[in-house]
């Protein structure tokens, strides 16, 4: 999957997806579980790192949907009610549903997802 379209991408809600990169290094979350992605949020700017190992294009798309929705929810000064009660499993379910409904992540589809959640 080509990641160039996701560089310096304006997102619905006033966010900027600065870059998406693939890493060869394994990643873990805050409690030591294997992670497929990590997002750094600085103000309204998002930087996503995806762990390259064994990711299919579908996995990359689902990870992008998940990370963008979750990061926007955290970065928003006043997040929409639609995301206020979401937890990690809810973000993953939303990403899976977005992939089933919209297909592979594209700049337009990431913005559609954010519009659907009222960003």
N, C-alpha and C. Protein backbone atom coordinates (compact mmCIF):
# COMPACT_ATOMS: atom_id res chain seq x y z
N UNK A 1 0.85 -1.18 0.00
CA UNK A 1 0.00 0.00 0.00
C UNK A 1 0.89 1.24 0.00
N UNK A 2 0.58 2.17 -0.85
CA UNK A 2 1.35 3.41 -0.98
C UNK A 2 0.96 4.37 0.15
N UNK A 3 1.95 4.87 0.89
CA UNK A 3 1.68 5.76 2.02
C UNK A 3 1.87 7.24 1.68
N UNK A 4 2.40 7.55 0.51
CA UNK A 4 2.63 8.96 0.13
C UNK A 4 1.38 9.84 0.22
N UNK A 5 0.19 9.33 -0.16
CA UNK A 5 -1.00 10.19 -0.07
C UNK A 5 -1.37 10.61 1.36
N UNK A 6 -0.78 9.95 2.35
CA UNK A 6 -1.10 10.25 3.75
C UNK A 6 -0.10 11.21 4.39
N UNK A 7 0.78 11.78 3.61
CA UNK A 7 1.77 12.71 4.14
C UNK A 7 1.22 14.13 4.03
N UNK A 8 1.31 14.89 5.14
CA UNK A 8 0.82 16.28 5.20
C UNK A 8 -0.65 16.36 4.76
N UNK A 9 -1.45 15.44 5.29
CA UNK A 9 -2.86 15.32 4.90
C UNK A 9 -3.75 16.07 5.88
N UNK A 10 -4.45 17.11 5.42
CA UNK A 10 -5.44 17.77 6.28
C UNK A 10 -6.60 16.81 6.54
N UNK A 11 -7.02 16.75 7.80
CA UNK A 11 -8.12 15.87 8.18
C UNK A 11 -9.28 16.67 8.74
N UNK A 12 -10.47 16.13 8.57
CA UNK A 12 -11.69 16.71 9.12
C UNK A 12 -11.48 16.99 10.61
N UNK A 13 -11.99 18.11 11.08
CA UNK A 13 -11.87 18.46 12.48
C UNK A 13 -10.66 19.33 12.78
N UNK A 14 -9.93 19.73 11.73
CA UNK A 14 -8.79 20.61 11.93
C UNK A 14 -7.49 19.90 12.27
N UNK A 15 -7.40 18.62 12.00
CA UNK A 15 -6.19 17.86 12.29
C UNK A 15 -5.31 17.78 11.04
N UNK A 16 -4.04 17.50 11.27
CA UNK A 16 -3.09 17.30 10.18
C UNK A 16 -2.39 15.98 10.40
N UNK A 17 -2.52 15.06 9.45
CA UNK A 17 -1.75 13.83 9.48
C UNK A 17 -0.42 14.14 8.81
N UNK A 18 0.58 14.39 9.64
CA UNK A 18 1.87 14.84 9.13
C UNK A 18 2.57 13.75 8.33
N UNK A 19 2.58 12.54 8.90
CA UNK A 19 3.25 11.45 8.17
C UNK A 19 2.76 10.11 8.70
N UNK A 20 2.89 9.11 7.82
CA UNK A 20 2.70 7.71 8.17
C UNK A 20 3.94 6.99 7.69
N UNK A 21 4.60 6.29 8.61
CA UNK A 21 5.82 5.56 8.26
C UNK A 21 5.71 4.12 8.71
N UNK A 22 6.47 3.27 8.03
CA UNK A 22 6.56 1.86 8.40
C UNK A 22 7.86 1.66 9.15
N UNK A 23 7.81 0.87 10.22
CA UNK A 23 8.98 0.59 11.03
C UNK A 23 9.28 -0.90 10.99
N UNK A 24 10.55 -1.21 11.01
CA UNK A 24 10.99 -2.61 11.09
C UNK A 24 11.03 -3.07 12.54
N UNK A 25 11.05 -2.12 13.47
CA UNK A 25 11.17 -2.44 14.89
C UNK A 25 9.83 -2.92 15.45
N UNK A 26 9.86 -3.97 16.26
CA UNK A 26 8.62 -4.38 16.93
C UNK A 26 8.18 -3.29 17.91
N UNK A 27 6.88 -3.19 18.13
CA UNK A 27 6.33 -2.18 19.03
C UNK A 27 5.49 -2.86 20.10
N UNK A 28 5.45 -2.22 21.26
CA UNK A 28 4.58 -2.67 22.33
C UNK A 28 3.79 -1.47 22.85
N UNK A 29 2.65 -1.77 23.47
CA UNK A 29 1.86 -0.70 24.06
C UNK A 29 2.33 -0.42 25.49
N UNK A 30 1.62 0.44 26.18
CA UNK A 30 2.04 0.88 27.51
C UNK A 30 2.11 -0.25 28.54
N UNK A 31 1.37 -1.34 28.31
CA UNK A 31 1.42 -2.43 29.26
C UNK A 31 2.14 -3.66 28.71
N UNK A 32 2.91 -3.47 27.65
CA UNK A 32 3.79 -4.51 27.14
C UNK A 32 3.22 -5.45 26.10
N UNK A 33 2.01 -5.20 25.62
CA UNK A 33 1.43 -6.05 24.58
C UNK A 33 1.98 -5.65 23.22
N UNK A 34 2.04 -6.59 22.31
CA UNK A 34 2.46 -6.31 20.95
C UNK A 34 1.50 -5.30 20.32
N UNK A 35 2.05 -4.31 19.65
CA UNK A 35 1.24 -3.28 18.99
C UNK A 35 1.57 -3.24 17.51
N UNK A 36 0.56 -2.93 16.71
CA UNK A 36 0.76 -2.78 15.26
C UNK A 36 1.05 -1.34 14.87
N UNK A 37 0.68 -0.40 15.75
CA UNK A 37 0.81 1.01 15.38
C UNK A 37 1.02 1.87 16.63
N UNK A 38 1.58 3.05 16.38
CA UNK A 38 1.77 4.05 17.43
C UNK A 38 1.53 5.41 16.80
N UNK A 39 0.81 6.26 17.52
CA UNK A 39 0.56 7.61 17.03
C UNK A 39 1.08 8.61 18.03
N UNK A 40 1.84 9.56 17.54
CA UNK A 40 2.30 10.68 18.34
C UNK A 40 1.41 11.87 18.00
N UNK A 41 0.88 12.50 19.04
CA UNK A 41 -0.01 13.65 18.87
C UNK A 41 0.68 14.87 19.45
N UNK A 42 0.86 15.87 18.62
CA UNK A 42 1.40 17.15 19.07
C UNK A 42 0.41 18.22 18.63
N UNK A 43 -0.35 18.75 19.60
CA UNK A 43 -1.42 19.68 19.26
C UNK A 43 -2.46 18.96 18.42
N UNK A 44 -2.65 19.44 17.21
CA UNK A 44 -3.60 18.80 16.30
C UNK A 44 -2.90 18.05 15.17
N UNK A 45 -1.60 17.81 15.36
CA UNK A 45 -0.81 17.11 14.36
C UNK A 45 -0.59 15.66 14.79
N UNK A 46 -0.80 14.74 13.85
CA UNK A 46 -0.67 13.31 14.12
C UNK A 46 0.46 12.72 13.29
N UNK A 47 1.25 11.86 13.93
CA UNK A 47 2.30 11.11 13.23
C UNK A 47 2.12 9.65 13.57
N UNK A 48 1.88 8.82 12.56
CA UNK A 48 1.59 7.41 12.76
C UNK A 48 2.77 6.56 12.30
N UNK A 49 3.16 5.61 13.16
CA UNK A 49 4.15 4.61 12.81
C UNK A 49 3.47 3.26 12.83
N UNK A 50 3.61 2.52 11.74
CA UNK A 50 3.05 1.17 11.63
C UNK A 50 4.18 0.16 11.65
N UNK A 51 4.00 -0.92 12.38
CA UNK A 51 4.99 -1.99 12.42
C UNK A 51 4.84 -2.81 11.14
N UNK A 52 5.89 -2.85 10.35
CA UNK A 52 5.84 -3.46 9.02
C UNK A 52 5.60 -4.98 9.06
N UNK A 53 6.07 -5.66 10.08
CA UNK A 53 6.06 -7.13 10.08
C UNK A 53 4.65 -7.69 9.90
N UNK A 54 4.52 -8.46 8.86
CA UNK A 54 3.30 -9.23 8.57
C UNK A 54 2.04 -8.39 8.34
N UNK A 55 2.16 -7.12 8.03
CA UNK A 55 0.98 -6.31 7.75
C UNK A 55 0.57 -6.45 6.29
N UNK A 56 -0.67 -6.82 6.08
CA UNK A 56 -1.23 -6.84 4.74
C UNK A 56 -1.77 -5.44 4.43
N UNK A 57 -2.09 -5.14 3.18
CA UNK A 57 -2.73 -3.85 2.89
C UNK A 57 -4.02 -3.65 3.68
N UNK A 58 -4.77 -4.71 3.92
CA UNK A 58 -5.98 -4.61 4.73
C UNK A 58 -5.65 -4.23 6.16
N UNK A 59 -4.61 -4.86 6.73
CA UNK A 59 -4.17 -4.53 8.09
C UNK A 59 -3.74 -3.07 8.19
N UNK A 60 -3.05 -2.59 7.18
CA UNK A 60 -2.59 -1.19 7.18
C UNK A 60 -3.80 -0.27 7.16
N UNK A 61 -4.78 -0.57 6.32
CA UNK A 61 -5.98 0.26 6.26
C UNK A 61 -6.72 0.29 7.59
N UNK A 62 -6.93 -0.88 8.17
CA UNK A 62 -7.63 -0.95 9.45
C UNK A 62 -6.86 -0.20 10.52
N UNK A 63 -5.54 -0.35 10.53
CA UNK A 63 -4.72 0.38 11.50
C UNK A 63 -4.81 1.89 11.30
N UNK A 64 -4.84 2.34 10.05
CA UNK A 64 -4.98 3.77 9.79
C UNK A 64 -6.33 4.29 10.27
N UNK A 65 -7.41 3.57 9.97
CA UNK A 65 -8.73 3.98 10.46
C UNK A 65 -8.71 4.07 12.00
N UNK A 66 -8.19 3.04 12.62
CA UNK A 66 -8.15 2.98 14.09
C UNK A 66 -7.35 4.14 14.67
N UNK A 67 -6.14 4.30 14.19
CA UNK A 67 -5.24 5.32 14.75
C UNK A 67 -5.76 6.73 14.53
N UNK A 68 -6.29 7.02 13.36
CA UNK A 68 -6.79 8.37 13.08
C UNK A 68 -8.01 8.67 13.96
N UNK A 69 -8.93 7.73 14.07
CA UNK A 69 -10.12 7.97 14.88
C UNK A 69 -9.74 8.12 16.36
N UNK A 70 -8.89 7.26 16.85
CA UNK A 70 -8.50 7.33 18.26
C UNK A 70 -7.70 8.59 18.55
N UNK A 71 -6.75 8.92 17.68
CA UNK A 71 -5.93 10.11 17.91
C UNK A 71 -6.75 11.39 17.82
N UNK A 72 -7.68 11.45 16.88
CA UNK A 72 -8.54 12.63 16.78
C UNK A 72 -9.38 12.78 18.04
N UNK A 73 -9.82 11.66 18.59
CA UNK A 73 -10.62 11.69 19.82
C UNK A 73 -9.81 12.22 21.00
N UNK A 74 -8.55 11.85 21.06
CA UNK A 74 -7.67 12.30 22.13
C UNK A 74 -7.24 13.75 21.91
N UNK A 75 -6.96 14.11 20.68
CA UNK A 75 -6.41 15.44 20.39
C UNK A 75 -7.47 16.54 20.39
N UNK A 76 -8.72 16.18 20.20
CA UNK A 76 -9.78 17.19 20.10
C UNK A 76 -9.98 17.89 21.45
N UNK A 77 -10.08 19.20 21.41
CA UNK A 77 -10.36 19.95 22.63
C UNK A 77 -11.74 19.59 23.18
N UNK A 78 -12.69 19.40 22.28
CA UNK A 78 -14.05 19.01 22.65
C UNK A 78 -14.46 17.87 21.73
N UNK A 79 -14.08 16.62 22.09
CA UNK A 79 -14.40 15.50 21.21
C UNK A 79 -15.91 15.30 21.08
N UNK A 80 -16.35 14.83 19.93
CA UNK A 80 -17.77 14.57 19.74
C UNK A 80 -18.27 13.51 20.74
N UNK A 81 -19.52 13.63 21.10
CA UNK A 81 -20.15 12.67 22.01
C UNK A 81 -19.99 11.25 21.48
N UNK A 82 -19.98 11.10 20.17
CA UNK A 82 -19.92 9.78 19.54
C UNK A 82 -18.67 8.98 19.90
N UNK A 83 -17.61 9.66 20.39
CA UNK A 83 -16.37 8.95 20.73
C UNK A 83 -16.02 9.03 22.21
N UNK A 84 -16.77 9.79 22.97
CA UNK A 84 -16.40 10.05 24.38
C UNK A 84 -16.33 8.79 25.24
N UNK A 85 -17.14 7.82 24.97
CA UNK A 85 -17.17 6.60 25.80
C UNK A 85 -16.43 5.43 25.15
N UNK A 86 -15.74 5.68 24.03
CA UNK A 86 -15.08 4.58 23.32
C UNK A 86 -13.80 4.16 24.04
N UNK A 87 -13.55 2.84 24.01
CA UNK A 87 -12.30 2.30 24.52
C UNK A 87 -11.54 1.65 23.36
N UNK A 88 -10.42 1.02 23.66
CA UNK A 88 -9.57 0.44 22.61
C UNK A 88 -10.35 -0.54 21.73
N UNK A 89 -11.14 -1.39 22.35
CA UNK A 89 -11.92 -2.36 21.57
C UNK A 89 -12.95 -1.67 20.68
N UNK A 90 -13.52 -0.58 21.16
CA UNK A 90 -14.50 0.17 20.35
C UNK A 90 -13.83 0.82 19.14
N UNK A 91 -12.62 1.36 19.34
CA UNK A 91 -11.91 1.96 18.21
C UNK A 91 -11.57 0.88 17.17
N UNK A 92 -11.17 -0.29 17.65
CA UNK A 92 -10.85 -1.38 16.72
C UNK A 92 -12.09 -1.83 15.96
N UNK A 93 -13.21 -1.95 16.66
CA UNK A 93 -14.46 -2.33 16.00
C UNK A 93 -14.87 -1.29 14.97
N UNK A 94 -14.74 -0.02 15.31
CA UNK A 94 -15.07 1.06 14.36
C UNK A 94 -14.16 1.00 13.14
N UNK A 95 -12.89 0.68 13.35
CA UNK A 95 -11.95 0.57 12.23
C UNK A 95 -12.30 -0.61 11.33
N UNK A 96 -12.65 -1.72 11.93
CA UNK A 96 -13.05 -2.90 11.16
C UNK A 96 -14.32 -2.60 10.35
N UNK A 97 -15.28 -1.93 10.98
CA UNK A 97 -16.52 -1.57 10.29
C UNK A 97 -16.26 -0.58 9.16
N UNK A 98 -15.37 0.37 9.39
CA UNK A 98 -15.02 1.35 8.35
C UNK A 98 -14.41 0.63 7.15
N UNK A 99 -13.53 -0.33 7.42
CA UNK A 99 -12.90 -1.07 6.34
C UNK A 99 -13.96 -1.86 5.56
N UNK A 100 -14.89 -2.49 6.27
CA UNK A 100 -15.94 -3.27 5.61
C UNK A 100 -16.84 -2.38 4.76
N UNK A 101 -17.09 -1.17 5.24
CA UNK A 101 -18.02 -0.24 4.57
C UNK A 101 -17.33 0.57 3.48
N UNK A 102 -16.14 1.09 3.78
CA UNK A 102 -15.47 2.04 2.88
C UNK A 102 -14.36 1.42 2.05
N UNK A 103 -13.86 0.28 2.47
CA UNK A 103 -12.74 -0.34 1.76
C UNK A 103 -11.41 0.18 2.30
N UNK A 104 -10.38 0.02 1.48
CA UNK A 104 -9.04 0.42 1.91
C UNK A 104 -9.00 1.90 2.27
N UNK A 105 -8.16 2.22 3.24
CA UNK A 105 -8.01 3.60 3.67
C UNK A 105 -7.44 4.44 2.53
N UNK A 106 -8.05 5.57 2.32
CA UNK A 106 -7.58 6.60 1.39
C UNK A 106 -7.72 7.92 2.14
N UNK A 107 -7.12 8.98 1.66
CA UNK A 107 -7.35 10.27 2.31
C UNK A 107 -8.84 10.60 2.41
N UNK A 108 -9.59 10.39 1.35
CA UNK A 108 -11.02 10.69 1.37
C UNK A 108 -11.76 9.80 2.37
N UNK A 109 -11.41 8.52 2.45
CA UNK A 109 -12.09 7.61 3.36
C UNK A 109 -11.78 7.91 4.83
N UNK A 110 -10.55 8.34 5.12
CA UNK A 110 -10.24 8.74 6.49
C UNK A 110 -11.10 9.93 6.90
N UNK A 111 -11.26 10.87 5.99
CA UNK A 111 -12.10 12.03 6.28
C UNK A 111 -13.57 11.65 6.39
N UNK A 112 -14.04 10.70 5.57
CA UNK A 112 -15.42 10.22 5.69
C UNK A 112 -15.66 9.63 7.07
N UNK A 113 -14.71 8.85 7.56
CA UNK A 113 -14.83 8.24 8.88
C UNK A 113 -14.95 9.32 9.96
N UNK A 114 -14.12 10.34 9.88
CA UNK A 114 -14.18 11.42 10.87
C UNK A 114 -15.51 12.17 10.79
N UNK A 115 -16.03 12.39 9.59
CA UNK A 115 -17.33 13.04 9.43
C UNK A 115 -18.42 12.17 10.06
N UNK A 116 -18.35 10.86 9.84
CA UNK A 116 -19.35 9.95 10.42
C UNK A 116 -19.39 10.03 11.94
N UNK A 117 -18.24 10.32 12.55
CA UNK A 117 -18.17 10.43 14.01
C UNK A 117 -18.30 11.88 14.49
N UNK A 118 -18.74 12.75 13.58
CA UNK A 118 -19.05 14.15 13.90
C UNK A 118 -17.87 15.04 14.23
N UNK A 119 -16.72 14.76 13.64
CA UNK A 119 -15.57 15.67 13.78
C UNK A 119 -15.73 16.82 12.80
